[in-house]
Amino acid sequence: MNERVAKFVFDSIQRVRGWNYLPWLERLEELQWAPFHTVEDYRLTRLRALIEHCYARVPYYREAFRRLGIVPADIRNSGDLKRLPTVSKATLRADYSRFFADGGQEAHEVWPSSGSTGEPFPFRRSKESVAMNTFAPWSRGRRWWGTDFGVREGLIWAGARNVGNRWSGRLAAIKRRASWRMKNIRLVDVYHQDPASVRRTYEAFVAFEPAFMRGMASGLYRFCATLEELGLDGKAIGVRAAAVTGENLLQAQRSLIERVLGCKTLVEYGCTELGVIAYECPSGGLHLSHENHIFEFLTNGRDARPGERAELVITNLNEKAAPLVRYAIGDFVVPTDRACACGRTMPLISSVDGRTHDRILTPGGKEVHAMFFTHMFDALPSIHQFRVVQEEVNALRIELRSNRTIAARDIEFIRFTGEQAMGPGVNVEVVEVQEMPVTSSGKQPWIVSKVNSDRQAAQDRIGSQAD
């Protein structure tokens, strides 16, 4: 389809669904160059309006204010937010209805999360927030790369088929395919990455000539790795930029994608309930969507310093249907105070370091975070995928996949390093596999700890009871 026609169709569908993002896009593109005080005034105006709304109309926050003996006037700036409690998924699960605004005046809809933690959740989102937090910053980020909506796009994603094989799911999958096709998006089923399917997809892409490729990190990697194994020229597709989202990406995987497609990769970082959190620009800066959020970076309960790994806590400034104030998203990031070479005044994070539950427990009660393993494998470029599985506290299985021969010394290094991290009495098994399992959402989790999941579930139950 002609790109201008596809862009018109996309924007028209957004307006019909109540997600007219274009006015907000214009505002965001102004603010991305604005001086700090201009953006801060904008954010504080929205924050104060949000706090007044929460106090007047949202039961959970109204009760919290009264319990703490404070009123909205006490929240004068982002630092004052710390007077309020953080909110976790456990808090929401305890009684999500307490977060719904009284009266239901905001037009809203339900957006189920992808369930990447194994616990899907139906978030309530206002249509205005969807436009402001999801589509406006998403469009802005894409425009940094010259690939706005309507540009021919290859999408490697879940949702192309119905995993549960029910008629309702089949119909939904058909509707998604039709909608994406009208928007100039050629969809690839993330589950179908066998050589024959990849060859057919490659031939279709060469004919389609997508300017932009987007996919779940593991899905896009598997597609490119299979192209290389088949000896197919990925550069013939003609992609100008490739976006990865939904999962962490190893440096070796990123290098392979860029080598095969012959273009730069970029990171889209966001979540169902908040929309776009950060987007990478061509200068390599991972820019926070700070016009839409208040960000807190916490390490052991204090504000993290630049360069420290920190838990991310977010206040969504635009959500009125079911507000999330000081929401502990469950991710670790690394904040930085450096400025980006692109000249945008938006703050940066250096990296997204995984979810708070991505960790392995040792018999001695210590934790080995997922980033320990990613840093270990960054030094081993012959390994393109890995998965760490912990069924019992004294046993660890590290699965490896590569399209190259993995040297025996590398396998021994992995085993030795794993044993050193886990402590005495832990059996570390290192095995090579042909495929990594894919979840129902199309992702490939690389830390699977039943031990930690059981502990986290118990903590969530305690947290829910406390709330």
Protein backbone atom coordinates (compact mmCIF):
# COMPACT_ATOMS: atom_id res chain seq x y z
CA MET A 1 0.00 0.00 0.00
CA ASN A 2 1.12 3.56 -0.67
CA GLU A 3 2.75 4.94 2.47
CA ARG A 4 0.69 8.14 2.54
CA VAL A 5 -2.51 6.15 2.21
CA ALA A 6 -1.39 3.77 4.97
CA LYS A 7 -0.56 6.72 7.23
CA PHE A 8 -4.02 8.19 6.59
CA VAL A 9 -5.63 4.84 7.39
CA PHE A 10 -3.58 4.48 10.58
CA ASP A 11 -4.44 7.97 11.84
CA SER A 12 -8.10 7.55 10.94
CA ILE A 13 -8.32 4.28 12.89
CA GLN A 14 -6.70 5.97 15.88
CA ARG A 15 -9.24 8.80 15.83
CA VAL A 16 -12.18 6.41 15.53
CA ARG A 17 -10.92 4.42 18.52
CA GLY A 18 -10.48 7.58 20.60
CA TRP A 19 -6.69 7.54 20.42
CA ASN A 20 -6.04 10.75 18.49
CA TYR A 21 -2.35 11.09 19.27
CA LEU A 22 -1.45 13.81 16.76
CA PRO A 23 -1.98 16.88 19.03
CA TRP A 24 0.11 15.20 21.73
CA LEU A 25 2.81 14.27 19.22
CA GLU A 26 3.13 17.93 18.25
CA ARG A 27 3.49 18.87 21.91
CA LEU A 28 6.11 16.19 22.58
CA GLU A 29 8.17 17.23 19.59
CA GLU A 30 8.28 20.77 20.96
CA LEU A 31 9.20 19.68 24.49
CA GLN A 32 12.03 17.35 23.43
CA TRP A 33 14.20 20.41 22.68
CA ALA A 34 12.86 22.63 25.47
CA PRO A 35 15.00 23.79 28.42
CA PHE A 36 14.65 21.92 31.70
CA HIS A 37 12.52 24.54 33.48
CA THR A 38 9.94 24.58 30.67
CA VAL A 39 9.45 20.83 30.78
CA GLU A 40 9.48 20.80 34.57
CA ASP A 41 6.70 23.42 34.72
CA TYR A 42 4.66 21.28 32.31
CA ARG A 43 5.20 18.14 34.38
CA LEU A 44 4.42 19.78 37.73
CA THR A 45 1.18 21.24 36.39
CA ARG A 46 0.09 17.77 35.31
CA LEU A 47 1.33 16.20 38.55
CA ARG A 48 -0.69 18.55 40.74
CA ALA A 49 -3.82 17.96 38.66
CA LEU A 50 -3.26 14.19 38.93
CA ILE A 51 -2.84 14.31 42.72
CA GLU A 52 -6.03 16.39 43.12
CA HIS A 53 -7.86 13.87 40.95
CA CYS A 54 -6.54 10.90 42.96
CA TYR A 55 -7.52 12.50 46.27
CA ALA A 56 -11.01 13.40 45.09
CA ARG A 57 -11.96 10.36 43.07
CA VAL A 58 -9.69 7.33 43.59
CA PRO A 59 -10.42 5.25 46.74
CA TYR A 60 -6.93 3.80 47.18
CA TYR A 61 -5.18 7.16 47.13
CA ARG A 62 -7.89 8.95 49.10
CA GLU A 63 -7.44 6.38 51.88
CA ALA A 64 -3.65 6.66 51.66
CA PHE A 65 -3.74 10.45 52.03
CA ARG A 66 -6.02 10.22 55.05
CA ARG A 67 -3.97 7.46 56.65
CA LEU A 68 -0.79 9.52 56.25
CA GLY A 69 -2.44 12.75 57.38
CA ILE A 70 -1.58 14.72 54.25
CA VAL A 71 -3.54 16.59 51.56
CA PRO A 72 -2.82 17.29 47.86
CA ALA A 73 -1.28 20.68 48.71
CA ASP A 74 1.51 18.79 50.50
CA ILE A 75 2.64 17.32 47.15
CA ARG A 76 4.22 20.40 45.60
CA ASN A 77 6.92 18.73 43.50
CA SER A 78 8.20 15.34 42.40
CA GLY A 79 10.31 14.98 45.56
CA ASP A 80 7.18 15.22 47.72
CA LEU A 81 5.82 12.10 46.02
CA LYS A 82 8.00 10.07 48.39
CA ARG A 83 5.48 10.83 51.11
CA LEU A 84 3.16 8.38 49.34
CA PRO A 85 3.65 4.60 49.32
CA THR A 86 4.90 2.73 46.29
CA VAL A 87 2.45 0.52 44.43
CA SER A 88 3.40 -2.95 43.18
CA LYS A 89 1.65 -5.59 41.12
CA ALA A 90 0.83 -7.29 44.45
CA THR A 91 -0.93 -4.11 45.58
CA LEU A 92 -2.99 -4.04 42.40
CA ARG A 93 -3.86 -7.72 42.62
CA ALA A 94 -5.10 -7.31 46.18
CA ASP A 95 -8.01 -5.12 44.98
CA TYR A 96 -7.52 -3.38 41.67
CA SER A 97 -11.00 -1.83 41.83
CA ARG A 98 -9.75 0.56 44.54
CA PHE A 99 -7.64 2.24 41.82
CA PHE A 100 -10.66 2.96 39.58
CA ALA A 101 -11.77 6.60 39.54
CA ASP A 102 -15.25 7.12 40.98
CA GLY A 103 -17.95 7.74 38.41
CA GLY A 104 -16.17 6.18 35.45
CA GLN A 105 -16.23 9.50 33.57
CA GLU A 106 -13.02 8.84 31.64
CA ALA A 107 -13.45 6.82 28.46
CA HIS A 108 -11.35 3.73 29.02
CA GLU A 109 -10.69 0.18 27.90
CA VAL A 110 -8.92 -2.90 29.22
CA TRP A 111 -5.38 -3.67 28.03
CA PRO A 112 -4.18 -7.10 29.18
CA SER A 113 -0.48 -7.30 29.92
CA SER A 114 1.65 -9.74 27.95
CA GLY A 115 2.11 -11.86 31.04
CA SER A 116 5.91 -11.92 30.66
CA THR A 117 6.13 -12.68 34.39
CA GLY A 118 3.71 -15.57 34.03
CA GLU A 119 0.98 -13.47 35.64
CA PRO A 120 -1.17 -11.69 33.03
CA PHE A 121 -3.07 -8.68 34.33
CA PRO A 122 -5.97 -6.67 32.78
CA PHE A 123 -5.00 -3.00 33.11
CA ARG A 124 -7.60 -0.26 32.79
CA ARG A 125 -6.36 2.58 30.57
CA SER A 126 -8.06 5.80 29.59
CA LYS A 127 -8.23 6.49 25.87
CA GLU A 128 -6.48 9.81 26.43
CA SER A 129 -3.60 8.09 28.19
CA VAL A 130 -3.27 5.59 25.34
CA ALA A 131 -2.95 8.48 22.89
CA MET A 132 -0.55 10.48 25.07
CA ASN A 133 1.60 7.72 26.56
CA THR A 134 1.67 5.09 23.83
CA PHE A 135 1.10 6.39 20.31
CA ALA A 136 2.44 9.96 20.60
CA PRO A 137 5.89 9.03 22.02
CA TRP A 138 6.00 5.93 19.83
CA SER A 139 5.46 8.06 16.73
CA ARG A 140 8.03 10.60 17.93
CA GLY A 141 10.65 7.90 18.42
CA ARG A 142 10.03 6.38 15.03
CA ARG A 143 10.26 9.78 13.37
CA TRP A 144 13.76 10.14 14.82
CA TRP A 145 14.65 7.32 12.43
CA GLY A 146 12.58 8.58 9.47
CA THR A 147 10.06 5.75 9.84
CA ASP A 148 6.71 7.10 10.98
CA PHE A 149 3.51 5.05 10.96
CA GLY A 150 2.52 4.07 7.43
CA VAL A 151 6.08 3.28 6.31
CA ARG A 152 6.38 -0.32 5.11
CA GLU A 153 7.18 -2.37 8.17
CA GLY A 154 8.07 -5.99 8.91
CA LEU A 155 6.74 -7.08 12.29
CA ILE A 156 7.85 -10.24 14.10
CA TRP A 157 5.27 -10.58 16.82
CA ALA A 158 2.82 -12.70 18.77
CA GLY A 159 -0.87 -12.31 18.03
CA ALA A 160 -0.67 -13.64 14.49
CA ARG A 161 -2.40 -16.80 15.58
CA ASN A 162 -4.56 -18.02 18.43
CA VAL A 163 -2.43 -19.99 20.86
CA GLY A 164 -5.47 -21.43 22.66
CA ASN A 165 -7.10 -22.53 19.36
CA ARG A 166 -10.52 -21.06 20.23
CA TRP A 167 -12.83 -19.51 17.65
CA SER A 168 -12.79 -16.13 19.44
CA GLY A 169 -9.00 -16.16 19.36
CA ARG A 170 -8.93 -17.13 15.71
CA LEU A 171 -11.25 -14.27 14.83
CA ALA A 172 -9.15 -11.81 16.85
CA ALA A 173 -6.00 -12.98 15.07
CA ILE A 174 -7.65 -12.53 11.65
CA LYS A 175 -8.76 -9.00 12.61
CA ARG A 176 -5.25 -8.13 13.76
CA ARG A 177 -3.75 -9.36 10.52
CA ALA A 178 -6.25 -7.34 8.47
CA SER A 179 -5.68 -4.21 10.55
CA TRP A 180 -1.90 -4.50 10.27
CA ARG A 181 -2.08 -5.07 6.54
CA MET A 182 -4.10 -1.84 6.09
CA LYS A 183 -1.40 -0.03 8.08
CA ASN A 184 1.34 -1.30 5.72
CA ILE A 185 2.64 -3.85 8.23
CA ARG A 186 3.65 -7.34 7.08
CA LEU A 187 3.27 -9.64 10.08
CA VAL A 188 5.51 -12.61 10.83
CA ASP A 189 4.39 -15.15 13.42
CA VAL A 190 7.05 -15.15 16.14
CA TYR A 191 6.33 -18.83 16.81
CA HIS A 192 7.19 -19.93 13.25
CA GLN A 193 10.96 -19.57 12.96
CA ASP A 194 11.84 -22.90 11.33
CA PRO A 195 14.09 -22.72 8.23
CA ALA A 196 11.28 -23.23 5.72
CA SER A 197 9.12 -20.51 7.30
CA VAL A 198 12.04 -18.09 7.53
CA ARG A 199 12.91 -18.67 3.87
CA ARG A 200 9.31 -17.91 2.83
CA THR A 201 9.29 -14.80 5.05
CA TYR A 202 12.58 -13.65 3.58
CA GLU A 203 11.28 -13.94 0.02
CA ALA A 204 8.12 -12.04 0.98
CA PHE A 205 10.16 -9.31 2.68
CA VAL A 206 12.47 -8.88 -0.32
CA ALA A 207 9.38 -8.30 -2.46
CA PHE A 208 7.69 -6.07 0.15
CA GLU A 209 10.83 -3.97 0.84
CA PRO A 210 10.09 -2.89 4.43
CA ALA A 211 11.99 0.22 5.50
CA PHE A 212 11.54 -0.65 9.15
CA MET A 213 11.76 -3.95 11.03
CA ARG A 214 10.35 -4.40 14.50
CA GLY A 215 10.06 -7.42 16.74
CA MET A 216 10.43 -9.04 20.09
CA ALA A 217 14.15 -9.18 20.75
CA SER A 218 14.40 -12.97 20.73
CA GLY A 219 12.10 -13.28 17.70
CA LEU A 220 14.06 -10.81 15.59
CA TYR A 221 17.31 -12.45 16.64
CA ARG A 222 16.03 -15.93 15.71
CA PHE A 223 14.90 -14.66 12.31
CA CYS A 224 18.29 -13.07 11.55
CA ALA A 225 20.27 -16.02 12.93
CA THR A 226 18.31 -18.40 10.67
CA LEU A 227 18.91 -16.14 7.66
CA GLU A 228 22.62 -16.38 8.33
CA GLU A 229 22.47 -20.15 8.76
CA LEU A 230 20.62 -20.43 5.42
CA GLY A 231 23.14 -18.19 3.66
CA LEU A 232 20.46 -15.62 2.73
CA ASP A 233 21.42 -11.97 2.24
CA GLY A 234 19.47 -10.02 4.86
CA LYS A 235 20.68 -6.71 3.43
CA ALA A 236 18.59 -7.42 0.31
CA ILE A 237 15.46 -6.75 2.39
CA GLY A 238 16.43 -3.07 2.48
CA VAL A 239 15.69 -2.31 6.14
CA ARG A 240 16.88 1.13 7.33
CA ALA A 241 16.44 0.48 11.06
CA ALA A 242 15.38 -2.43 13.28
CA ALA A 243 13.62 -1.96 16.62
CA VAL A 244 13.75 -4.55 19.40
CA THR A 245 11.34 -4.55 22.30
CA GLY A 246 9.76 -6.71 24.96
CA GLU A 247 12.95 -8.42 26.17
CA ASN A 248 16.58 -7.72 26.96
CA LEU A 249 19.01 -8.13 24.08
CA LEU A 250 22.49 -9.54 24.45
CA GLN A 251 25.27 -7.61 22.75
CA ALA A 252 26.10 -10.67 20.64
CA GLN A 253 22.47 -10.82 19.47
CA ARG A 254 22.42 -7.12 18.64
CA SER A 255 25.65 -7.43 16.67
CA LEU A 256 24.27 -10.37 14.69
CA ILE A 257 21.03 -8.51 13.80
CA GLU A 258 22.97 -5.47 12.61
CA ARG A 259 25.41 -7.61 10.63
CA VAL A 260 22.66 -9.61 8.91
CA LEU A 261 20.29 -6.72 8.12
CA GLY A 262 23.01 -4.14 7.52
CA CYS A 263 21.32 -1.47 9.62
CA LYS A 264 21.39 -0.05 13.14
CA THR A 265 19.20 -1.49 15.86
CA LEU A 266 17.27 0.56 18.38
CA VAL A 267 15.61 -0.20 21.69
CA GLU A 268 11.94 0.48 22.40
CA TYR A 269 11.31 0.24 26.14
CA GLY A 270 7.80 0.29 27.54
CA CYS A 271 5.02 -1.75 29.07
CA THR A 272 1.31 -2.31 28.60
CA GLU A 273 0.15 -0.23 31.55
CA LEU A 274 2.39 2.83 31.00
CA GLY A 275 3.08 2.96 27.27
CA VAL A 276 6.48 4.11 25.99
CA ILE A 277 9.00 4.58 28.79
CA ALA A 278 12.13 5.20 26.72
CA TYR A 279 13.17 5.22 23.07
CA GLU A 280 16.64 5.10 21.55
CA CYS A 281 17.72 7.81 19.12
CA PRO A 282 20.23 7.46 16.21
CA SER A 283 22.96 8.94 18.44
CA GLY A 284 22.56 5.97 20.80
CA GLY A 285 20.80 7.75 23.67
CA LEU A 286 17.98 5.84 25.37
CA HIS A 287 15.70 8.81 26.08
CA LEU A 288 13.07 8.72 28.83
CA SER A 289 9.55 9.94 28.01
CA HIS A 290 9.77 12.29 30.94
CA GLU A 291 7.03 14.62 29.68
CA ASN A 292 4.55 11.84 30.48
CA HIS A 293 6.05 10.43 33.69
CA ILE A 294 7.82 11.17 36.93
CA PHE A 295 10.73 8.74 37.28
CA GLU A 296 12.38 7.59 40.51
CA PHE A 297 15.52 5.44 40.58
CA LEU A 298 15.88 3.66 43.91
CA THR A 299 18.71 1.59 45.35
CA ASN A 300 18.12 0.12 48.82
CA GLY A 301 15.38 2.68 49.40
CA ARG A 302 17.49 5.75 48.52
CA ASP A 303 17.89 7.70 45.31
CA ALA A 304 20.40 5.96 43.08
CA ARG A 305 23.47 7.74 41.84
CA PRO A 306 24.22 7.95 38.10
CA GLY A 307 25.66 4.64 36.95
CA GLU A 308 24.08 2.60 39.75
CA ARG A 309 21.63 -0.18 38.98
CA ALA A 310 18.30 0.97 40.36
CA GLU A 311 14.72 -0.16 40.70
CA LEU A 312 12.45 1.95 38.50
CA VAL A 313 9.40 3.62 40.09
CA ILE A 314 7.08 5.59 37.80
CA THR A 315 4.18 8.01 38.20
CA ASN A 316 2.02 8.20 35.07
CA LEU A 317 1.00 11.85 34.71
CA ASN A 318 -1.77 11.19 32.19
CA GLU A 319 -3.79 8.25 33.48
CA LYS A 320 -7.08 9.24 35.13
CA ALA A 321 -9.18 6.06 34.75
CA ALA A 322 -6.96 3.94 37.04
CA PRO A 323 -4.02 6.14 38.14
CA LEU A 324 -0.63 4.66 38.95
CA VAL A 325 1.32 6.89 41.33
CA ARG A 326 4.76 5.66 42.43
CA TYR A 327 4.29 2.39 40.59
CA ALA A 328 7.18 -0.06 41.07
CA ILE A 329 7.18 -1.50 37.58
CA GLY A 330 9.47 -4.39 38.51
CA ASP A 331 12.42 -3.41 36.32
CA PHE A 332 16.02 -2.49 37.03
CA VAL A 333 17.63 0.28 34.96
CA VAL A 334 20.85 2.28 35.09
CA PRO A 335 20.29 6.07 35.16
CA THR A 336 22.87 8.47 33.79
CA ASP A 337 23.38 12.22 33.97
CA ARG A 338 25.14 12.51 30.63
CA ALA A 339 23.69 14.53 27.76
CA CYS A 340 22.99 12.96 24.38
CA ALA A 341 24.87 14.07 21.29
CA CYS A 342 21.54 14.50 19.48
CA GLY A 343 20.87 17.67 21.48
CA ARG A 344 17.51 16.62 22.91
CA THR A 345 17.07 17.69 26.52
CA MET A 346 15.24 14.49 27.48
CA PRO A 347 17.07 12.57 30.25
CA LEU A 348 18.69 9.20 29.54
CA ILE A 349 19.12 5.78 31.04
CA SER A 350 22.21 3.78 30.14
CA SER A 351 20.43 0.44 29.99
CA VAL A 352 17.51 -1.69 31.07
CA ASP A 353 18.93 -4.44 33.25
CA GLY A 354 15.99 -6.80 33.52
CA ARG A 355 13.12 -7.39 35.89
CA THR A 356 13.38 -7.51 39.66
CA HIS A 357 12.41 -11.19 39.63
CA ASP A 358 15.20 -12.08 37.16
CA ARG A 359 17.54 -13.56 39.72
CA ILE A 360 18.87 -16.87 40.97
CA LEU A 361 18.97 -17.78 44.66
CA THR A 362 21.96 -19.53 46.23
CA PRO A 363 21.87 -22.10 49.06
CA GLY A 364 23.56 -19.48 51.24
CA GLY A 365 20.62 -17.08 50.81
CA LYS A 366 22.34 -14.72 48.41
CA GLU A 367 21.02 -13.58 45.03
CA VAL A 368 22.72 -13.76 41.65
CA HIS A 369 21.06 -11.20 39.39
CA ALA A 370 20.41 -11.85 35.72
CA MET A 371 22.93 -9.20 34.73
CA PHE A 372 25.72 -11.38 36.14
CA PHE A 373 24.99 -13.87 33.37
CA THR A 374 24.55 -11.28 30.61
CA HIS A 375 27.90 -9.70 31.48
CA MET A 376 29.49 -13.13 31.50
CA PHE A 377 28.14 -13.92 28.02
CA ASP A 378 29.05 -10.49 26.65
CA ALA A 379 32.64 -11.76 26.81
CA LEU A 380 31.71 -14.88 24.82
CA PRO A 381 30.58 -13.74 21.35
CA SER A 382 30.30 -17.31 20.08
CA ILE A 383 27.19 -17.77 22.26
CA HIS A 384 24.08 -16.12 20.84
CA GLN A 385 21.42 -17.34 23.27
CA PHE A 386 21.36 -18.71 26.77
CA ARG A 387 18.85 -19.77 29.39
CA VAL A 388 19.52 -20.31 33.09
CA VAL A 389 17.14 -22.79 34.72
CA GLN A 390 16.93 -23.35 38.48
CA GLU A 391 14.51 -26.09 39.55
CA GLU A 392 16.17 -26.57 42.95
CA VAL A 393 18.37 -24.32 45.04
CA ASN A 394 21.39 -26.64 44.75
CA ALA A 395 21.19 -27.27 40.98
CA LEU A 396 21.60 -24.99 37.98
CA ARG A 397 21.30 -25.77 34.30
CA ILE A 398 22.74 -23.32 31.77
CA GLU A 399 21.49 -23.92 28.24
CA LEU A 400 23.44 -22.53 25.28
CA ARG A 401 22.56 -22.04 21.64
CA SER A 402 24.83 -20.80 18.86
CA ASN A 403 25.23 -21.05 15.12
CA ARG A 404 28.97 -21.45 15.71
CA THR A 405 30.99 -24.12 17.44
CA ILE A 406 31.27 -23.37 21.14
CA ALA A 407 34.79 -24.03 22.35
CA ALA A 408 35.24 -26.53 25.18
CA ARG A 409 37.18 -23.89 27.15
CA ASP A 410 34.19 -21.54 26.96
CA ILE A 411 31.88 -24.23 28.33
CA GLU A 412 34.30 -24.93 31.13
CA PHE A 413 34.60 -21.20 31.85
CA ILE A 414 30.81 -20.92 32.12
CA ARG A 415 30.60 -23.91 34.46
CA PHE A 416 33.44 -22.65 36.66
CA THR A 417 32.06 -19.09 36.81
CA GLY A 418 28.58 -20.38 37.64
CA GLU A 419 29.92 -22.54 40.45
CA GLN A 420 31.89 -19.61 41.86
CA ALA A 421 28.77 -17.41 41.85
CA MET A 422 26.49 -20.03 43.38
CA GLY A 423 28.84 -21.19 46.11
CA PRO A 424 29.76 -24.70 47.32
CA GLY A 425 27.38 -27.60 46.98
CA VAL A 426 25.69 -26.47 43.74
CA ASN A 427 25.82 -28.65 40.65
CA VAL A 428 26.12 -26.47 37.52
CA GLU A 429 25.30 -28.26 34.27
CA VAL A 430 26.13 -26.61 30.93
CA VAL A 431 24.38 -28.02 27.87
CA GLU A 432 24.02 -27.05 24.22
CA VAL A 433 20.46 -27.05 22.80
CA GLN A 434 18.99 -26.64 19.33
CA GLU A 435 16.07 -24.41 20.34
CA MET A 436 14.99 -22.27 23.28
CA PRO A 437 11.37 -22.60 24.49
CA VAL A 438 8.96 -19.80 23.61
CA THR A 439 6.21 -18.61 25.98
CA SER A 440 2.58 -18.11 24.91
CA SER A 441 3.35 -14.40 24.44
CA GLY A 442 6.16 -15.21 22.02
CA LYS A 443 9.03 -14.34 24.36
CA GLN A 444 12.04 -16.37 25.43
CA PRO A 445 12.77 -15.82 29.13
CA TRP A 446 16.43 -16.36 29.88
CA ILE A 447 16.15 -16.66 33.66
CA VAL A 448 13.78 -19.36 34.89
CA SER A 449 13.93 -19.93 38.64
CA LYS A 450 11.20 -21.96 40.29
CA VAL A 451 12.96 -21.29 43.60
CA ASN A 452 12.73 -17.52 43.19
CA SER A 453 9.18 -17.70 41.78
CA ASP A 454 8.01 -19.58 44.85
CA ARG A 455 9.68 -17.04 47.13
CA GLN A 456 8.28 -14.10 45.15
CA ALA A 457 4.79 -15.56 45.28
CA ALA A 458 5.03 -15.88 49.05
CA GLN A 459 6.25 -12.27 49.37
CA ASP A 460 3.42 -11.05 47.14
CA ARG A 461 0.89 -12.83 49.35
CA ILE A 462 2.37 -11.13 52.40
CA GLY A 463 2.38 -7.78 50.60
CA SER A 464 -1.24 -8.20 49.55
CA GLN A 465 -2.28 -8.97 53.11
CA ALA A 466 -0.40 -5.92 54.39
CA ASP A 467 -2.19 -3.65 51.89
